[in-house]
Amino acid sequence: MLRMVGVPESHSGWTFITSHARVLAVIADNPNVRIRDIAARCRLTERAVSRIIADLEQDGYLSHTRDGRTNTYRIEPDKVLRHPAEAGLSVASLLSLLLQDESARVRKPVSR
């Protein structure tokens, strides 16, 4: 199978977590992260990540400041999630679940 350089592996089927949530979690983990690195972690293209960041900024979940070539992102932790089924659930609540899971996956197993 030929794989183009810079293009993430494709994924078929559905997933539990949206790309928007994944991008937000990566930014929460590192507010100075580069779009290239977000794309690699989320297995998305840089263009897709840029669109997701624009969506999140447009709806007030995220903002950024620029210092030279570096963006520093700021997440609005008290902002409530959009879907009516998650009424009252904050971004901070979502991120606490996602980041807890991420740290557990990255932790190395204890050797005995």
PDB file of N, CA and C in Angstrom:
ATOM      1  N   MET A   1       0.837  -1.170   0.000  1.00  0.00           N
ATOM      2  CA  MET A   1       0.000   0.000   0.000  1.00  0.00           C
ATOM      3  C   MET A   1       0.889   1.243   0.000  1.00  0.00           C
ATOM      4  N   LEU A   2       0.640   2.154  -0.919  1.00  0.00           N
ATOM      5  CA  LEU A   2       1.398   3.385  -1.026  1.00  0.00           C
ATOM      6  C   LEU A   2       0.832   4.408  -0.066  1.00  0.00           C
ATOM      7  N   ARG A   3       1.734   5.000   0.728  1.00  0.00           N
ATOM      8  CA  ARG A   3       1.302   5.999   1.710  1.00  0.00           C
ATOM      9  C   ARG A   3       1.992   7.308   1.390  1.00  0.00           C
ATOM     10  N   MET A   4       1.204   8.367   1.202  1.00  0.00           N
ATOM     11  CA  MET A   4       1.772   9.665   0.891  1.00  0.00           C
ATOM     12  C   MET A   4       2.373  10.279   2.144  1.00  0.00           C
ATOM     13  N   VAL A   5       3.511  10.943   1.990  1.00  0.00           N
ATOM     14  CA  VAL A   5       4.198  11.594   3.096  1.00  0.00           C
ATOM     15  C   VAL A   5       3.355  12.769   3.585  1.00  0.00           C
ATOM     16  N   GLY A   6       3.227  12.902   4.919  1.00  0.00           N
ATOM     17  CA  GLY A   6       2.495  14.025   5.494  1.00  0.00           C
ATOM     18  C   GLY A   6       1.002  13.805   5.609  1.00  0.00           C
ATOM     19  N   VAL A   7       0.508  12.695   5.081  1.00  0.00           N
ATOM     20  CA  VAL A   7      -0.923  12.413   5.168  1.00  0.00           C
ATOM     21  C   VAL A   7      -1.132  11.346   6.229  1.00  0.00           C
ATOM     22  N   PRO A   8      -1.982  11.631   7.223  1.00  0.00           N
ATOM     23  CA  PRO A   8      -2.183  10.647   8.290  1.00  0.00           C
ATOM     24  C   PRO A   8      -2.859   9.387   7.769  1.00  0.00           C
ATOM     25  N   GLU A   9      -2.625   8.288   8.494  1.00  0.00           N
ATOM     26  CA  GLU A   9      -3.298   7.039   8.142  1.00  0.00           C
ATOM     27  C   GLU A   9      -4.798   7.254   8.197  1.00  0.00           C
ATOM     28  N   SER A  10      -5.494   6.694   7.237  1.00  0.00           N
ATOM     29  CA  SER A  10      -6.944   6.859   7.235  1.00  0.00           C
ATOM     30  C   SER A  10      -7.580   5.929   8.256  1.00  0.00           C
ATOM     31  N   HIS A  11      -8.773   6.271   8.641  1.00  0.00           N
ATOM     32  CA  HIS A  11      -9.513   5.476   9.599  1.00  0.00           C
ATOM     33  C   HIS A  11     -10.896   5.234   9.015  1.00  0.00           C
ATOM     34  N   SER A  12     -11.333   4.011   9.056  1.00  0.00           N
ATOM     35  CA  SER A  12     -12.677   3.740   8.570  1.00  0.00           C
ATOM     36  C   SER A  12     -13.554   3.338   9.754  1.00  0.00           C
ATOM     37  N   GLY A  13     -14.808   3.632   9.649  1.00  0.00           N
ATOM     38  CA  GLY A  13     -15.727   3.320  10.735  1.00  0.00           C
ATOM     39  C   GLY A  13     -15.939   4.513  11.635  1.00  0.00           C
ATOM     40  N   TRP A  14     -16.713   4.317  12.641  1.00  0.00           N
ATOM     41  CA  TRP A  14     -17.063   5.416  13.539  1.00  0.00           C
ATOM     42  C   TRP A  14     -16.182   5.384  14.771  1.00  0.00           C
ATOM     43  N   THR A  15     -16.170   6.500  15.493  1.00  0.00           N
ATOM     44  CA  THR A  15     -15.417   6.592  16.739  1.00  0.00           C
ATOM     45  C   THR A  15     -16.290   7.265  17.788  1.00  0.00           C
ATOM     46  N   PHE A  16     -15.926   7.130  19.045  1.00  0.00           N
ATOM     47  CA  PHE A  16     -16.687   7.726  20.138  1.00  0.00           C
ATOM     48  C   PHE A  16     -16.396   9.216  20.297  1.00  0.00           C
ATOM     49  N   ILE A  17     -15.187   9.618  20.018  1.00  0.00           N
ATOM     50  CA  ILE A  17     -14.759  10.995  20.257  1.00  0.00           C
ATOM     51  C   ILE A  17     -14.647  11.730  18.924  1.00  0.00           C
ATOM     52  N   THR A  18     -15.179  12.944  18.862  1.00  0.00           N
ATOM     53  CA  THR A  18     -15.108  13.724  17.622  1.00  0.00           C
ATOM     54  C   THR A  18     -13.704  14.301  17.431  1.00  0.00           C
ATOM     55  N   SER A  19     -13.422  14.693  16.214  1.00  0.00           N
ATOM     56  CA  SER A  19     -12.145  15.344  15.918  1.00  0.00           C
ATOM     57  C   SER A  19     -12.027  16.662  16.672  1.00  0.00           C
ATOM     58  N   HIS A  20     -13.128  17.381  16.842  1.00  0.00           N
ATOM     59  CA  HIS A  20     -13.100  18.634  17.589  1.00  0.00           C
ATOM     60  C   HIS A  20     -12.661  18.383  19.040  1.00  0.00           C
ATOM     61  N   ALA A  21     -13.177  17.349  19.651  1.00  0.00           N
ATOM     62  CA  ALA A  21     -12.805  17.021  21.029  1.00  0.00           C
ATOM     63  C   ALA A  21     -11.343  16.595  21.103  1.00  0.00           C
ATOM     64  N   ARG A  22     -10.884  15.832  20.129  1.00  0.00           N
ATOM     65  CA  ARG A  22      -9.487  15.406  20.115  1.00  0.00           C
ATOM     66  C   ARG A  22      -8.545  16.596  20.011  1.00  0.00           C
ATOM     67  N   VAL A  23      -8.856  17.515  19.090  1.00  0.00           N
ATOM     68  CA  VAL A  23      -8.023  18.705  18.912  1.00  0.00           C
ATOM     69  C   VAL A  23      -8.001  19.524  20.201  1.00  0.00           C
ATOM     70  N   LEU A  24      -9.160  19.705  20.809  1.00  0.00           N
ATOM     71  CA  LEU A  24      -9.248  20.467  22.051  1.00  0.00           C
ATOM     72  C   LEU A  24      -8.409  19.810  23.156  1.00  0.00           C
ATOM     73  N   ALA A  25      -8.441  18.494  23.233  1.00  0.00           N
ATOM     74  CA  ALA A  25      -7.665  17.774  24.255  1.00  0.00           C
ATOM     75  C   ALA A  25      -6.158  17.941  24.039  1.00  0.00           C
ATOM     76  N   VAL A  26      -5.720  17.902  22.800  1.00  0.00           N
ATOM     77  CA  VAL A  26      -4.295  18.081  22.512  1.00  0.00           C
ATOM     78  C   VAL A  26      -3.859  19.490  22.899  1.00  0.00           C
ATOM     79  N   ILE A  27      -4.700  20.474  22.589  1.00  0.00           N
ATOM     80  CA  ILE A  27      -4.385  21.857  22.952  1.00  0.00           C
ATOM     81  C   ILE A  27      -4.381  22.026  24.468  1.00  0.00           C
ATOM     82  N   ALA A  28      -5.317  21.383  25.153  1.00  0.00           N
ATOM     83  CA  ALA A  28      -5.357  21.462  26.620  1.00  0.00           C
ATOM     84  C   ALA A  28      -4.091  20.880  27.229  1.00  0.00           C
ATOM     85  N   ASP A  29      -3.550  19.865  26.594  1.00  0.00           N
ATOM     86  CA  ASP A  29      -2.330  19.223  27.069  1.00  0.00           C
ATOM     87  C   ASP A  29      -1.099  20.100  26.847  1.00  0.00           C
ATOM     88  N   ASN A  30      -1.135  20.930  25.789  1.00  0.00           N
ATOM     89  CA  ASN A  30      -0.013  21.818  25.473  1.00  0.00           C
ATOM     90  C   ASN A  30      -0.540  23.047  24.742  1.00  0.00           C
ATOM     91  N   PRO A  31      -0.752  24.156  25.434  1.00  0.00           N
ATOM     92  CA  PRO A  31      -1.326  25.358  24.815  1.00  0.00           C
ATOM     93  C   PRO A  31      -0.462  25.992  23.722  1.00  0.00           C
ATOM     94  N   ASN A  32       0.800  25.601  23.611  1.00  0.00           N
ATOM     95  CA  ASN A  32       1.698  26.142  22.583  1.00  0.00           C
ATOM     96  C   ASN A  32       1.948  25.153  21.447  1.00  0.00           C
ATOM     97  N   VAL A  33       1.150  24.113  21.367  1.00  0.00           N
ATOM     98  CA  VAL A  33       1.344  23.059  20.379  1.00  0.00           C
ATOM     99  C   VAL A  33       1.177  23.614  18.956  1.00  0.00           C
ATOM    100  N   ARG A  34       1.962  23.083  18.029  1.00  0.00           N
ATOM    101  CA  ARG A  34       1.870  23.494  16.624  1.00  0.00           C
ATOM    102  C   ARG A  34       0.767  22.707  15.923  1.00  0.00           C
ATOM    103  N   ILE A  35       0.169  23.322  14.909  1.00  0.00           N
ATOM    104  CA  ILE A  35      -0.885  22.660  14.131  1.00  0.00           C
ATOM    105  C   ILE A  35      -0.367  21.348  13.559  1.00  0.00           C
ATOM    106  N   ARG A  36       0.869  21.330  13.124  1.00  0.00           N
ATOM    107  CA  ARG A  36       1.476  20.116  12.574  1.00  0.00           C
ATOM    108  C   ARG A  36       1.462  18.978  13.596  1.00  0.00           C
ATOM    109  N   ASP A  37       1.751  19.313  14.849  1.00  0.00           N
ATOM    110  CA  ASP A  37       1.789  18.296  15.898  1.00  0.00           C
ATOM    111  C   ASP A  37       0.384  17.846  16.302  1.00  0.00           C
ATOM    112  N   ILE A  38      -0.567  18.776  16.293  1.00  0.00           N
ATOM    113  CA  ILE A  38      -1.966  18.404  16.562  1.00  0.00           C
ATOM    114  C   ILE A  38      -2.430  17.427  15.496  1.00  0.00           C
ATOM    115  N   ALA A  39      -2.133  17.751  14.255  1.00  0.00           N
ATOM    116  CA  ALA A  39      -2.542  16.898  13.131  1.00  0.00           C
ATOM    117  C   ALA A  39      -1.973  15.488  13.279  1.00  0.00           C
ATOM    118  N   ALA A  40      -0.713  15.396  13.640  1.00  0.00           N
ATOM    119  CA  ALA A  40      -0.075  14.078  13.793  1.00  0.00           C
ATOM    120  C   ALA A  40      -0.723  13.283  14.916  1.00  0.00           C
ATOM    121  N   ARG A  41      -0.973  13.925  16.056  1.00  0.00           N
ATOM    122  CA  ARG A  41      -1.576  13.207  17.196  1.00  0.00           C
ATOM    123  C   ARG A  41      -2.997  12.784  16.937  1.00  0.00           C
ATOM    124  N   CYS A  42      -3.740  13.630  16.218  1.00  0.00           N
ATOM    125  CA  CYS A  42      -5.158  13.341  15.968  1.00  0.00           C
ATOM    126  C   CYS A  42      -5.385  12.560  14.677  1.00  0.00           C
ATOM    127  N   ARG A  43      -4.308  12.316  13.930  1.00  0.00           N
ATOM    128  CA  ARG A  43      -4.395  11.644  12.632  1.00  0.00           C
ATOM    129  C   ARG A  43      -5.344  12.378  11.696  1.00  0.00           C
ATOM    130  N   LEU A  44      -5.110  13.679  11.610  1.00  0.00           N
ATOM    131  CA  LEU A  44      -5.863  14.560  10.717  1.00  0.00           C
ATOM    132  C   LEU A  44      -4.869  15.318   9.854  1.00  0.00           C
ATOM    133  N   THR A  45      -5.370  15.945   8.806  1.00  0.00           N
ATOM    134  CA  THR A  45      -4.502  16.814   8.019  1.00  0.00           C
ATOM    135  C   THR A  45      -4.369  18.159   8.727  1.00  0.00           C
ATOM    136  N   GLU A  46      -3.328  18.894   8.409  1.00  0.00           N
ATOM    137  CA  GLU A  46      -3.159  20.225   8.987  1.00  0.00           C
ATOM    138  C   GLU A  46      -4.314  21.142   8.595  1.00  0.00           C
ATOM    139  N   ARG A  47      -4.795  20.978   7.385  1.00  0.00           N
ATOM    140  CA  ARG A  47      -5.932  21.776   6.915  1.00  0.00           C
ATOM    141  C   ARG A  47      -7.179  21.498   7.756  1.00  0.00           C
ATOM    142  N   ALA A  48      -7.433  20.229   8.062  1.00  0.00           N
ATOM    143  CA  ALA A  48      -8.593  19.865   8.889  1.00  0.00           C
ATOM    144  C   ALA A  48      -8.448  20.456  10.291  1.00  0.00           C
ATOM    145  N   VAL A  49      -7.249  20.395  10.858  1.00  0.00           N
ATOM    146  CA  VAL A  49      -7.008  20.955  12.191  1.00  0.00           C
ATOM    147  C   VAL A  49      -7.246  22.463  12.174  1.00  0.00           C
ATOM    148  N   SER A  50      -6.774  23.136  11.146  1.00  0.00           N
ATOM    149  CA  SER A  50      -6.990  24.584  11.027  1.00  0.00           C
ATOM    150  C   SER A  50      -8.476  24.921  10.992  1.00  0.00           C
ATOM    151  N   ARG A  51      -9.254  24.131  10.263  1.00  0.00           N
ATOM    152  CA  ARG A  51     -10.719  24.353  10.203  1.00  0.00           C
ATOM    153  C   ARG A  51     -11.363  24.111  11.562  1.00  0.00           C
ATOM    154  N   ILE A  52     -10.928  23.072  12.254  1.00  0.00           N
ATOM    155  CA  ILE A  52     -11.485  22.765  13.577  1.00  0.00           C
ATOM    156  C   ILE A  52     -11.154  23.881  14.564  1.00  0.00           C
ATOM    157  N   ILE A  53      -9.918  24.360  14.539  1.00  0.00           N
ATOM    158  CA  ILE A  53      -9.540  25.469  15.419  1.00  0.00           C
ATOM    159  C   ILE A  53     -10.391  26.696  15.105  1.00  0.00           C
ATOM    160  N   ALA A  54     -10.614  26.975  13.834  1.00  0.00           N
ATOM    161  CA  ALA A  54     -11.464  28.108  13.442  1.00  0.00           C
ATOM    162  C   ALA A  54     -12.885  27.926  13.978  1.00  0.00           C
ATOM    163  N   ASP A  55     -13.428  26.710  13.882  1.00  0.00           N
ATOM    164  CA  ASP A  55     -14.766  26.419  14.430  1.00  0.00           C
ATOM    165  C   ASP A  55     -14.806  26.704  15.929  1.00  0.00           C
ATOM    166  N   LEU A  56     -13.808  26.181  16.643  1.00  0.00           N
ATOM    167  CA  LEU A  56     -13.764  26.332  18.098  1.00  0.00           C
ATOM    168  C   LEU A  56     -13.609  27.796  18.508  1.00  0.00           C
ATOM    169  N   GLU A  57     -12.822  28.549  17.742  1.00  0.00           N
ATOM    170  CA  GLU A  57     -12.662  29.977  18.035  1.00  0.00           C
ATOM    171  C   GLU A  57     -13.942  30.756  17.721  1.00  0.00           C
ATOM    172  N   GLN A  58     -14.554  30.434  16.599  1.00  0.00           N
ATOM    173  CA  GLN A  58     -15.780  31.133  16.195  1.00  0.00           C
ATOM    174  C   GLN A  58     -16.889  30.980  17.234  1.00  0.00           C
ATOM    175  N   ASP A  59     -16.968  29.813  17.854  1.00  0.00           N
ATOM    176  CA  ASP A  59     -18.025  29.564  18.840  1.00  0.00           C
ATOM    177  C   ASP A  59     -17.590  29.850  20.276  1.00  0.00           C
ATOM    178  N   GLY A  60     -16.398  30.403  20.459  1.00  0.00           N
ATOM    179  CA  GLY A  60     -15.969  30.865  21.774  1.00  0.00           C
ATOM    180  C   GLY A  60     -15.394  29.810  22.706  1.00  0.00           C
ATOM    181  N   TYR A  61     -15.043  28.653  22.183  1.00  0.00           N
ATOM    182  CA  TYR A  61     -14.448  27.601  23.015  1.00  0.00           C
ATOM    183  C   TYR A  61     -12.945  27.778  23.160  1.00  0.00           C
ATOM    184  N   LEU A  62     -12.360  28.547  22.258  1.00  0.00           N
ATOM    185  CA  LEU A  62     -10.918  28.647  22.152  1.00  0.00           C
ATOM    186  C   LEU A  62     -10.559  30.031  21.627  1.00  0.00           C
ATOM    187  N   SER A  63      -9.429  30.550  22.079  1.00  0.00           N
ATOM    188  CA  SER A  63      -8.871  31.771  21.504  1.00  0.00           C
ATOM    189  C   SER A  63      -7.366  31.585  21.442  1.00  0.00           C
ATOM    190  N   HIS A  64      -6.703  32.459  20.707  1.00  0.00           N
ATOM    191  CA  HIS A  64      -5.246  32.349  20.650  1.00  0.00           C
ATOM    192  C   HIS A  64      -4.605  33.725  20.577  1.00  0.00           C
ATOM    193  N   THR A  65      -3.373  33.776  21.049  1.00  0.00           N
ATOM    194  CA  THR A  65      -2.532  34.955  20.884  1.00  0.00           C
ATOM    195  C   THR A  65      -1.300  34.499  20.132  1.00  0.00           C
ATOM    196  N   ARG A  66      -0.749  35.415  19.371  1.00  0.00           N
ATOM    197  CA  ARG A  66       0.406  35.083  18.553  1.00  0.00           C
ATOM    198  C   ARG A  66       1.620  35.841  19.076  1.00  0.00           C
ATOM    199  N   ASP A  67       2.724  35.127  19.250  1.00  0.00           N
ATOM    200  CA  ASP A  67       3.987  35.730  19.651  1.00  0.00           C
ATOM    201  C   ASP A  67       5.034  35.256  18.651  1.00  0.00           C
ATOM    202  N   GLY A  68       5.336  36.092  17.684  1.00  0.00           N
ATOM    203  CA  GLY A  68       6.243  35.684  16.613  1.00  0.00           C
ATOM    204  C   GLY A  68       5.574  34.617  15.763  1.00  0.00           C
ATOM    205  N   ARG A  69       6.190  33.450  15.710  1.00  0.00           N
ATOM    206  CA  ARG A  69       5.626  32.342  14.936  1.00  0.00           C
ATOM    207  C   ARG A  69       4.868  31.347  15.806  1.00  0.00           C
ATOM    208  N   THR A  70       4.753  31.657  17.090  1.00  0.00           N
ATOM    209  CA  THR A  70       4.127  30.724  18.032  1.00  0.00           C
ATOM    210  C   THR A  70       2.734  31.184  18.424  1.00  0.00           C
ATOM    211  N   ASN A  71       1.780  30.282  18.365  1.00  0.00           N
ATOM    212  CA  ASN A  71       0.437  30.525  18.878  1.00  0.00           C
ATOM    213  C   ASN A  71       0.346  29.971  20.291  1.00  0.00           C
ATOM    214  N   THR A  72      -0.312  30.708  21.151  1.00  0.00           N
ATOM    215  CA  THR A  72      -0.640  30.206  22.481  1.00  0.00           C
ATOM    216  C   THR A  72      -2.156  30.192  22.565  1.00  0.00           C
ATOM    217  N   TYR A  73      -2.707  29.010  22.777  1.00  0.00           N
ATOM    218  CA  TYR A  73      -4.159  28.835  22.802  1.00  0.00           C
ATOM    219  C   TYR A  73      -4.680  28.941  24.224  1.00  0.00           C
ATOM    220  N   ARG A  74      -5.896  29.450  24.335  1.00  0.00           N
ATOM    221  CA  ARG A  74      -6.575  29.523  25.628  1.00  0.00           C
ATOM    222  C   ARG A  74      -7.956  28.917  25.464  1.00  0.00           C
ATOM    223  N   ILE A  75      -8.218  27.901  26.254  1.00  0.00           N
ATOM    224  CA  ILE A  75      -9.511  27.215  26.236  1.00  0.00           C
ATOM    225  C   ILE A  75     -10.424  27.865  27.272  1.00  0.00           C
ATOM    226  N   GLU A  76     -11.687  27.997  26.937  1.00  0.00           N
ATOM    227  CA  GLU A  76     -12.694  28.519  27.870  1.00  0.00           C
ATOM    228  C   GLU A  76     -13.298  27.332  28.626  1.00  0.00           C
ATOM    229  N   PRO A  77     -12.781  26.994  29.801  1.00  0.00           N
ATOM    230  CA  PRO A  77     -13.179  25.773  30.502  1.00  0.00           C
ATOM    231  C   PRO A  77     -14.637  25.759  30.969  1.00  0.00           C
ATOM    232  N   ASP A  78     -15.233  26.925  31.191  1.00  0.00           N
ATOM    233  CA  ASP A  78     -16.609  26.975  31.687  1.00  0.00           C
ATOM    234  C   ASP A  78     -17.651  26.976  30.580  1.00  0.00           C
ATOM    235  N   LYS A  79     -17.207  27.057  29.346  1.00  0.00           N
ATOM    236  CA  LYS A  79     -18.142  27.056  28.210  1.00  0.00           C
ATOM    237  C   LYS A  79     -18.869  25.708  28.178  1.00  0.00           C
ATOM    238  N   VAL A  80     -20.163  25.759  27.937  1.00  0.00           N
ATOM    239  CA  VAL A  80     -20.993  24.553  27.935  1.00  0.00           C
ATOM    240  C   VAL A  80     -20.963  23.917  26.544  1.00  0.00           C
ATOM    241  N   LEU A  81     -20.967  22.598  26.503  1.00  0.00           N
ATOM    242  CA  LEU A  81     -20.950  21.869  25.240  1.00  0.00           C
ATOM    243  C   LEU A  81     -22.211  22.166  24.435  1.00  0.00           C
ATOM    244  N   ARG A  82     -22.120  22.028  23.127  1.00  0.00           N
ATOM    245  CA  ARG A  82     -23.165  22.481  22.210  1.00  0.00           C
ATOM    246  C   ARG A  82     -24.406  21.587  22.135  1.00  0.00           C
ATOM    247  N   HIS A  83     -24.235  20.307  22.172  1.00  0.00           N
ATOM    248  CA  HIS A  83     -25.354  19.389  21.923  1.00  0.00           C
ATOM    249  C   HIS A  83     -26.325  19.373  23.102  1.00  0.00           C
ATOM    250  N   PRO A  84     -27.626  19.376  22.830  1.00  0.00           N
ATOM    251  CA  PRO A  84     -28.619  19.367  23.918  1.00  0.00           C
ATOM    252  C   PRO A  84     -28.482  18.169  24.867  1.00  0.00           C
ATOM    253  N   ALA A  85     -27.975  17.056  24.384  1.00  0.00           N
ATOM    254  CA  ALA A  85     -27.814  15.880  25.248  1.00  0.00           C
ATOM    255  C   ALA A  85     -26.741  16.103  26.318  1.00  0.00           C
ATOM    256  N   GLU A  86     -25.831  17.049  26.062  1.00  0.00           N
ATOM    257  CA  GLU A  86     -24.783  17.362  27.038  1.00  0.00           C
ATOM    258  C   GLU A  86     -25.072  18.676  27.747  1.00  0.00           C
ATOM    259  N   ALA A  87     -26.329  19.073  27.797  1.00  0.00           N
ATOM    260  CA  ALA A  87     -26.716  20.345  28.413  1.00  0.00           C
ATOM    261  C   ALA A  87     -26.127  20.444  29.822  1.00  0.00           C
ATOM    262  N   GLY A  88     -25.420  21.528  30.079  1.00  0.00           N
ATOM    263  CA  GLY A  88     -24.835  21.743  31.397  1.00  0.00           C
ATOM    264  C   GLY A  88     -23.446  21.176  31.568  1.00  0.00           C
ATOM    265  N   LEU A  89     -22.987  20.339  30.661  1.00  0.00           N
ATOM    266  CA  LEU A  89     -21.644  19.764  30.761  1.00  0.00           C
ATOM    267  C   LEU A  89     -20.629  20.762  30.205  1.00  0.00           C
ATOM    268  N   SER A  90     -19.618  21.075  30.994  1.00  0.00           N
ATOM    269  CA  SER A  90     -18.636  22.072  30.577  1.00  0.00           C
ATOM    270  C   SER A  90     -17.479  21.444  29.802  1.00  0.00           C
ATOM    271  N   VAL A  91     -16.759  22.300  29.112  1.00  0.00           N
ATOM    272  CA  VAL A  91     -15.550  21.869  28.409  1.00  0.00           C
ATOM    273  C   VAL A  91     -14.561  21.255  29.407  1.00  0.00           C
ATOM    274  N   ALA A  92     -14.439  21.856  30.579  1.00  0.00           N
ATOM    275  CA  ALA A  92     -13.519  21.334  31.602  1.00  0.00           C
ATOM    276  C   ALA A  92     -13.876  19.900  31.984  1.00  0.00           C
ATOM    277  N   SER A  93     -15.169  19.595  32.092  1.00  0.00           N
ATOM    278  CA  SER A  93     -15.592  18.225  32.432  1.00  0.00           C
ATOM    279  C   SER A  93     -15.189  17.238  31.347  1.00  0.00           C
ATOM    280  N   LEU A  94     -15.404  17.632  30.108  1.00  0.00           N
ATOM    281  CA  LEU A  94     -15.024  16.777  28.984  1.00  0.00           C
ATOM    282  C   LEU A  94     -13.516  16.552  28.971  1.00  0.00           C
ATOM    283  N   LEU A  95     -12.773  17.628  29.109  1.00  0.00           N
ATOM    284  CA  LEU A  95     -11.317  17.523  29.058  1.00  0.00           C
ATOM    285  C   LEU A  95     -10.759  16.705  30.215  1.00  0.00           C
ATOM    286  N   SER A  96     -11.385  16.779  31.374  1.00  0.00           N
ATOM    287  CA  SER A  96     -10.886  15.989  32.507  1.00  0.00           C
ATOM    288  C   SER A  96     -10.984  14.499  32.201  1.00  0.00           C
ATOM    289  N   LEU A  97     -12.007  14.098  31.482  1.00  0.00           N
ATOM    290  CA  LEU A  97     -12.131  12.690  31.089  1.00  0.00           C
ATOM    291  C   LEU A  97     -11.109  12.320  30.018  1.00  0.00           C
ATOM    292  N   LEU A  98     -10.976  13.178  29.011  1.00  0.00           N
ATOM    293  CA  LEU A  98     -10.073  12.878  27.905  1.00  0.00           C
ATOM    294  C   LEU A  98      -8.614  12.910  28.330  1.00  0.00           C
ATOM    295  N   LEU A  99      -8.240  13.893  29.130  1.00  0.00           N
ATOM    296  CA  LEU A  99      -6.841  14.005  29.539  1.00  0.00           C
ATOM    297  C   LEU A  99      -6.462  12.930  30.546  1.00  0.00           C
ATOM    298  N   GLN A 100      -7.394  12.537  31.394  1.00  0.00           N
ATOM    299  CA  GLN A 100      -7.132  11.444  32.331  1.00  0.00           C
ATOM    300  C   GLN A 100      -6.857  10.175  31.544  1.00  0.00           C
ATOM    301  N   ASP A 101      -7.663   9.921  30.522  1.00  0.00           N
ATOM    302  CA  ASP A 101      -7.486   8.742  29.689  1.00  0.00           C
ATOM    303  C   ASP A 101      -6.151   8.812  28.955  1.00  0.00           C
ATOM    304  N   GLU A 102      -5.795   9.972  28.431  1.00  0.00           N
ATOM    305  CA  GLU A 102      -4.543  10.137  27.699  1.00  0.00           C
ATOM    306  C   GLU A 102      -3.343   9.858  28.602  1.00  0.00           C
ATOM    307  N   SER A 103      -3.349  10.360  29.824  1.00  0.00           N
ATOM    308  CA  SER A 103      -2.213  10.138  30.718  1.00  0.00           C
ATOM    309  C   SER A 103      -2.102   8.668  31.107  1.00  0.00           C
ATOM    310  N   ALA A 104      -3.212   7.974  31.224  1.00  0.00           N
ATOM    311  CA  ALA A 104      -3.177   6.546  31.559  1.00  0.00           C
ATOM    312  C   ALA A 104      -2.598   5.732  30.402  1.00  0.00           C
ATOM    313  N   ARG A 105      -2.891   6.131  29.170  1.00  0.00           N
ATOM    314  CA  ARG A 105      -2.379   5.406  28.008  1.00  0.00           C
ATOM    315  C   ARG A 105      -0.891   5.621  27.821  1.00  0.00           C
ATOM    316  N   VAL A 106      -0.409   6.802  28.156  1.00  0.00           N
ATOM    317  CA  VAL A 106       0.991   7.135  27.932  1.00  0.00           C
ATOM    318  C   VAL A 106       1.883   6.547  29.009  1.00  0.00           C
ATOM    319  N   ARG A 107       1.332   6.345  30.193  1.00  0.00           N
ATOM    320  CA  ARG A 107       2.104   5.808  31.316  1.00  0.00           C
ATOM    321  C   ARG A 107       2.668   4.437  30.966  1.00  0.00           C
ATOM    322  N   LYS A 108       3.946   4.253  31.264  1.00  0.00           N
ATOM    323  CA  LYS A 108       4.590   2.964  30.992  1.00  0.00           C
ATOM    324  C   LYS A 108       4.172   1.941  32.034  1.00  0.00           C
ATOM    325  N   PRO A 109       3.996   0.685  31.629  1.00  0.00           N
ATOM    326  CA  PRO A 109       3.636  -0.350  32.607  1.00  0.00           C
ATOM    327  C   PRO A 109       4.781  -0.583  33.595  1.00  0.00           C
ATOM    328  N   VAL A 110       4.420  -0.903  34.797  1.00  0.00           N
ATOM    329  CA  VAL A 110       5.413  -1.173  35.836  1.00  0.00           C
ATOM    330  C   VAL A 110       5.952  -2.582  35.634  1.00  0.00           C
ATOM    331  N   SER A 111       7.285  -2.692  35.537  1.00  0.00           N
ATOM    332  CA  SER A 111       7.882  -4.020  35.368  1.00  0.00           C
ATOM    333  C   SER A 111       8.122  -4.635  36.734  1.00  0.00           C
ATOM    334  N   ARG A 112       7.952  -5.944  36.812  1.00  0.00           N
ATOM    335  CA  ARG A 112       8.113  -6.652  38.075  1.00  0.00           C
ATOM    336  C   ARG A 112       9.265  -7.585  38.035  1.00  0.00           C
TER     337      ARG A 112
END
